[in-house]
Amino acid sequence: MNKPVVTKNAPGAIGPYSQAVDCGNIVFTSGQLGLDPETGNLLEGVEAQARQALLNVKAIVEADGMTMDNVAKTLVFLTDMGDFAKVNAIYAEFFNDACYPARSAVQVGALPKGGLVEIETVCVK
């Protein structure tokens, strides 16, 4: 049985979806923007947004009793692939370099709330 994962340490969903869904051994996080969980405001700049998006992912993962080491796959959405190196540098701070998660990164036309980066994950317990 699937169950939603909810935490106040990450922004609430801005639509009809869960912050994450725990499916037993696999947990899927919804895409996280660089939104401050306290204010709901988007941070300025791609680096600040990337860091906050990953902090939001971390809060959701931890709310389900895991760590970032449980992240097996990520999908990074960028509105400008020219920001890839900046986001990559922030991204590397959040994962164990002995086994980085598998990852895809794509450029998109737009993200909700005018975000510059959005990150979703698949975690394995």
Protein backbone atom coordinates (compact mmCIF):
# COMPACT_ATOMS: atom_id res chain seq x y z
CA MET A 1 0.00 0.00 0.00
CA ASN A 2 1.33 3.43 -0.95
CA LYS A 3 1.45 6.14 1.69
CA PRO A 4 2.17 9.84 1.38
CA VAL A 5 5.25 11.34 2.99
CA VAL A 6 4.61 14.75 4.53
CA THR A 7 6.89 17.16 6.35
CA LYS A 8 6.67 20.82 7.32
CA ASN A 9 10.45 21.04 6.76
CA ALA A 10 9.87 21.23 3.01
CA PRO A 11 7.36 23.28 1.03
CA GLY A 12 3.87 21.84 0.79
CA ALA A 13 2.61 20.62 -2.55
CA ILE A 14 1.39 23.42 -4.82
CA GLY A 15 -1.07 21.10 -6.55
CA PRO A 16 -2.86 17.77 -6.20
CA TYR A 17 0.18 15.64 -5.37
CA SER A 18 2.21 14.44 -2.37
CA GLN A 19 5.66 15.64 -1.36
CA ALA A 20 6.62 11.98 -1.75
CA VAL A 21 5.01 8.57 -1.93
CA ASP A 22 6.39 5.62 0.04
CA CYS A 23 5.73 2.41 -1.90
CA GLY A 24 7.42 0.07 0.57
CA ASN A 25 11.03 -0.37 -0.52
CA ILE A 26 10.90 2.51 -3.01
CA VAL A 27 10.10 6.15 -2.30
CA PHE A 28 9.41 8.68 -5.04
CA THR A 29 9.83 12.37 -4.19
CA SER A 30 7.97 14.96 -6.21
CA GLY A 31 10.06 17.56 -7.97
CA GLN A 32 11.37 20.14 -5.53
CA LEU A 33 11.91 23.77 -6.46
CA GLY A 34 14.12 26.20 -4.61
CA LEU A 35 11.24 27.32 -2.40
CA ASP A 36 11.86 28.37 1.17
CA PRO A 37 9.63 26.07 3.27
CA GLU A 38 8.88 28.85 5.78
CA THR A 39 7.89 31.60 3.36
CA GLY A 40 6.97 29.64 0.24
CA ASN A 41 9.06 32.10 -1.74
CA LEU A 42 11.46 31.13 -4.49
CA LEU A 43 15.08 31.99 -3.70
CA GLU A 44 17.08 34.21 -6.07
CA GLY A 45 19.54 32.64 -8.51
CA VAL A 46 20.09 29.12 -9.77
CA GLU A 47 22.70 28.18 -7.15
CA ALA A 48 20.49 29.23 -4.23
CA GLN A 49 17.52 27.47 -5.81
CA ALA A 50 19.51 24.27 -6.42
CA ARG A 51 20.75 24.21 -2.82
CA GLN A 52 17.25 24.83 -1.44
CA ALA A 53 15.70 22.22 -3.75
CA LEU A 54 18.18 19.66 -2.44
CA LEU A 55 17.58 20.74 1.16
CA ASN A 56 13.87 20.21 0.50
CA VAL A 57 14.55 16.74 -0.94
CA LYS A 58 16.72 15.96 2.10
CA ALA A 59 13.95 17.03 4.50
CA ILE A 60 11.41 14.82 2.74
CA VAL A 61 13.78 11.83 2.61
CA GLU A 62 14.60 12.25 6.31
CA ALA A 63 10.89 12.53 7.17
CA ASP A 64 10.57 8.97 5.88
CA GLY A 65 13.50 7.72 7.98
CA MET A 66 16.13 7.73 5.25
CA THR A 67 19.23 9.73 4.34
CA MET A 68 20.51 11.07 1.06
CA ASP A 69 22.46 7.81 0.74
CA ASN A 70 19.10 6.15 0.00
CA VAL A 71 18.70 8.25 -3.17
CA ALA A 72 19.27 5.90 -6.11
CA LYS A 73 18.16 8.13 -9.00
CA THR A 74 17.61 11.82 -9.58
CA LEU A 75 16.08 13.84 -12.36
CA VAL A 76 17.22 17.45 -12.64
CA PHE A 77 15.16 19.91 -14.68
CA LEU A 78 16.89 23.13 -15.76
CA THR A 79 15.43 26.08 -17.63
CA ASP A 80 18.93 26.80 -18.99
CA MET A 81 21.44 24.02 -19.63
CA GLY A 82 24.09 26.74 -19.34
CA ASP A 83 23.49 26.47 -15.56
CA PHE A 84 24.49 22.78 -15.52
CA ALA A 85 27.98 23.33 -14.04
CA LYS A 86 26.67 25.61 -11.28
CA VAL A 87 23.94 23.15 -10.31
CA ASN A 88 26.36 20.22 -10.59
CA ALA A 89 28.71 21.81 -8.04
CA ILE A 90 25.87 22.27 -5.51
CA TYR A 91 24.48 18.79 -6.26
CA ALA A 92 27.83 17.14 -5.47
CA GLU A 93 27.73 18.56 -1.92
CA PHE A 94 24.65 16.49 -1.05
CA PHE A 95 25.75 13.01 -2.08
CA ASN A 96 28.42 10.50 -1.10
CA ASP A 97 31.04 10.53 -3.85
CA ALA A 98 31.68 6.80 -3.31
CA CYS A 99 28.34 6.14 -5.06
CA TYR A 100 26.54 9.10 -6.58
CA PRO A 101 22.93 8.42 -7.59
CA ALA A 102 22.16 7.71 -11.22
CA ARG A 103 20.97 10.97 -12.79
CA SER A 104 19.32 12.54 -15.77
CA ALA A 105 19.39 16.28 -16.46
CA VAL A 106 17.18 17.95 -19.01
CA GLN A 107 16.43 21.47 -20.14
CA VAL A 108 12.77 22.46 -20.02
CA GLY A 109 10.86 25.47 -21.34
CA ALA A 110 9.58 26.57 -17.93
CA LEU A 111 9.12 25.41 -14.34
CA PRO A 112 6.37 26.21 -11.84
CA LYS A 113 6.58 29.59 -10.08
CA GLY A 114 9.34 30.68 -12.49
CA GLY A 115 11.87 28.29 -10.96
CA LEU A 116 15.26 27.78 -12.58
CA VAL A 117 15.84 24.23 -11.33
CA GLU A 118 13.67 21.37 -10.06
CA ILE A 119 14.93 18.07 -8.65
CA GLU A 120 13.07 14.81 -8.06
CA THR A 121 14.38 11.53 -6.69
CA VAL A 122 13.78 7.82 -6.42
CA CYS A 123 14.96 6.34 -3.13
CA VAL A 124 15.50 2.73 -2.11
CA LYS A 125 15.13 1.68 1.53
